[in-house]
N, C-alpha and C. Protein backbone atom coordinates (compact mmCIF):
# COMPACT_ATOMS: atom_id res chain seq x y z
N UNK A 1 25.86 -24.41 17.91
CA UNK A 1 25.66 -25.56 18.17
C UNK A 1 26.68 -25.98 19.19
N UNK A 2 28.02 -25.58 19.10
CA UNK A 2 28.86 -25.95 20.21
C UNK A 2 28.78 -25.16 21.43
N UNK A 3 28.35 -23.89 21.39
CA UNK A 3 28.17 -23.00 22.36
C UNK A 3 27.06 -23.59 23.35
N UNK A 4 26.08 -24.05 22.76
CA UNK A 4 24.76 -24.57 23.29
C UNK A 4 25.36 -25.94 24.04
N UNK A 5 25.92 -26.69 23.39
CA UNK A 5 26.63 -28.05 24.08
C UNK A 5 27.49 -27.76 25.17
N UNK A 6 28.34 -26.58 25.15
CA UNK A 6 29.13 -26.32 26.25
C UNK A 6 28.41 -25.73 27.32
N UNK A 7 27.32 -25.07 26.99
CA UNK A 7 26.75 -24.59 28.26
C UNK A 7 26.10 -25.60 28.90
N UNK A 8 25.50 -26.75 28.10
CA UNK A 8 24.84 -27.89 28.87
C UNK A 8 25.85 -28.42 29.64
N UNK A 9 27.15 -28.77 29.20
CA UNK A 9 28.14 -29.36 29.89
C UNK A 9 28.73 -28.69 31.13
N UNK A 10 28.48 -27.28 31.25
CA UNK A 10 28.89 -26.43 32.29
C UNK A 10 27.73 -26.57 33.12
N UNK A 11 26.71 -26.66 32.84
CA UNK A 11 25.43 -26.60 33.83
C UNK A 11 25.39 -28.03 34.59
N UNK A 12 25.79 -29.24 33.56
CA UNK A 12 25.79 -30.49 34.43
C UNK A 12 27.08 -30.70 35.40
N UNK A 13 27.91 -30.02 34.88
CA UNK A 13 29.21 -30.11 35.67
C UNK A 13 29.15 -29.17 37.11
N UNK A 14 28.28 -28.13 36.80
CA UNK A 14 28.13 -27.37 37.93
C UNK A 14 27.10 -28.16 39.09
N UNK A 15 26.08 -28.92 38.48
CA UNK A 15 25.25 -29.60 39.35
C UNK A 15 26.20 -30.62 40.23
N UNK A 16 27.05 -31.59 39.43
CA UNK A 16 27.81 -32.52 39.98
C UNK A 16 28.74 -31.83 41.08
N UNK A 17 29.27 -30.38 40.74
CA UNK A 17 29.96 -29.85 41.84
C UNK A 17 29.26 -29.46 43.11
N UNK A 18 27.86 -29.08 42.81
CA UNK A 18 27.16 -28.65 43.95
C UNK A 18 26.45 -29.63 44.70
N UNK A 19 26.64 -30.94 44.35
CA UNK A 19 25.98 -32.10 44.99
C UNK A 19 27.27 -32.76 45.79
N UNK A 20 28.58 -32.48 45.40
CA UNK A 20 29.73 -32.77 46.07
C UNK A 20 30.29 -34.14 45.82
N UNK A 21 30.23 -34.47 44.61
CA UNK A 21 30.85 -35.86 44.02
C UNK A 21 32.42 -35.74 44.15
N UNK A 22 32.99 -36.79 44.54
CA UNK A 22 34.31 -36.62 45.02
C UNK A 22 35.27 -36.16 43.73
N UNK A 23 35.03 -36.52 42.68
CA UNK A 23 35.90 -35.96 41.41
C UNK A 23 35.50 -34.88 40.73
N UNK A 24 34.54 -34.25 41.22
CA UNK A 24 33.71 -33.04 40.52
C UNK A 24 34.53 -32.12 40.03
N UNK A 25 35.72 -31.75 40.92
CA UNK A 25 36.56 -30.62 40.55
C UNK A 25 37.31 -30.84 39.34
N UNK A 26 37.81 -32.08 39.17
CA UNK A 26 38.55 -32.57 38.03
C UNK A 26 37.64 -32.53 36.88
N UNK A 27 36.54 -32.90 36.87
CA UNK A 27 35.54 -33.13 35.76
C UNK A 27 35.17 -31.44 35.41
N UNK A 28 34.97 -30.59 36.37
CA UNK A 28 34.81 -29.23 36.18
C UNK A 28 35.88 -28.73 35.18
N UNK A 29 37.05 -28.73 35.79
CA UNK A 29 38.26 -28.22 35.07
C UNK A 29 38.28 -28.78 33.74
N UNK A 30 38.18 -30.23 33.45
CA UNK A 30 38.18 -30.64 32.26
C UNK A 30 37.16 -30.33 31.31
N UNK A 31 35.85 -29.86 31.70
CA UNK A 31 34.88 -29.31 30.93
C UNK A 31 35.22 -27.96 30.51
N UNK A 32 35.73 -27.11 31.48
CA UNK A 32 36.16 -25.83 31.26
C UNK A 32 37.39 -25.62 30.12
N UNK A 33 38.24 -26.58 30.34
CA UNK A 33 39.40 -26.55 29.22
C UNK A 33 38.83 -26.98 27.74
N UNK A 34 37.99 -27.87 27.79
CA UNK A 34 37.30 -28.34 26.63
C UNK A 34 36.64 -27.09 25.84
N UNK A 35 35.70 -26.66 26.81
CA UNK A 35 34.89 -25.46 26.14
C UNK A 35 35.90 -24.50 25.74
N UNK A 36 36.80 -24.14 26.45
CA UNK A 36 37.71 -23.03 25.94
C UNK A 36 38.48 -23.49 24.69
N UNK A 37 38.83 -24.64 24.47
CA UNK A 37 39.54 -25.09 23.21
C UNK A 37 38.44 -25.00 22.21
N UNK A 38 37.15 -25.51 22.39
CA UNK A 38 36.36 -25.58 21.25
C UNK A 38 35.81 -23.92 20.86
N UNK A 39 35.73 -23.10 21.73
CA UNK A 39 35.52 -21.79 21.59
C UNK A 39 36.54 -21.21 20.71
N UNK A 40 37.76 -21.41 21.21
CA UNK A 40 39.03 -20.81 20.51
C UNK A 40 39.18 -21.51 18.95
N UNK A 41 38.80 -22.66 18.88
CA UNK A 41 38.71 -23.34 17.44
C UNK A 41 37.73 -22.68 16.62
N UNK A 42 36.65 -22.53 17.13
CA UNK A 42 35.64 -21.86 16.30
C UNK A 42 35.88 -20.43 15.91
N UNK A 43 36.63 -19.71 16.93
CA UNK A 43 36.95 -18.12 16.40
C UNK A 43 38.02 -18.46 15.60
N UNK A 44 38.84 -19.34 15.53
CA UNK A 44 39.97 -19.43 14.83
C UNK A 44 39.66 -19.73 13.32
N UNK A 45 38.63 -20.58 13.21
CA UNK A 45 38.04 -21.14 12.04
C UNK A 45 37.18 -20.23 11.18
N UNK A 46 36.50 -19.54 12.21
CA UNK A 46 35.31 -18.50 11.69
C UNK A 46 35.71 -17.01 11.35
């Protein structure tokens, strides 16, 4: 479930980056950091 949501978040942030919104790099970095933390937590707990 978390991996599916992280994939959706990456796709949405990629589209935001592609259309050149001003703060998209910050959003993309935040999404990647959040996804990394989520996957690390799942691996740690599982």
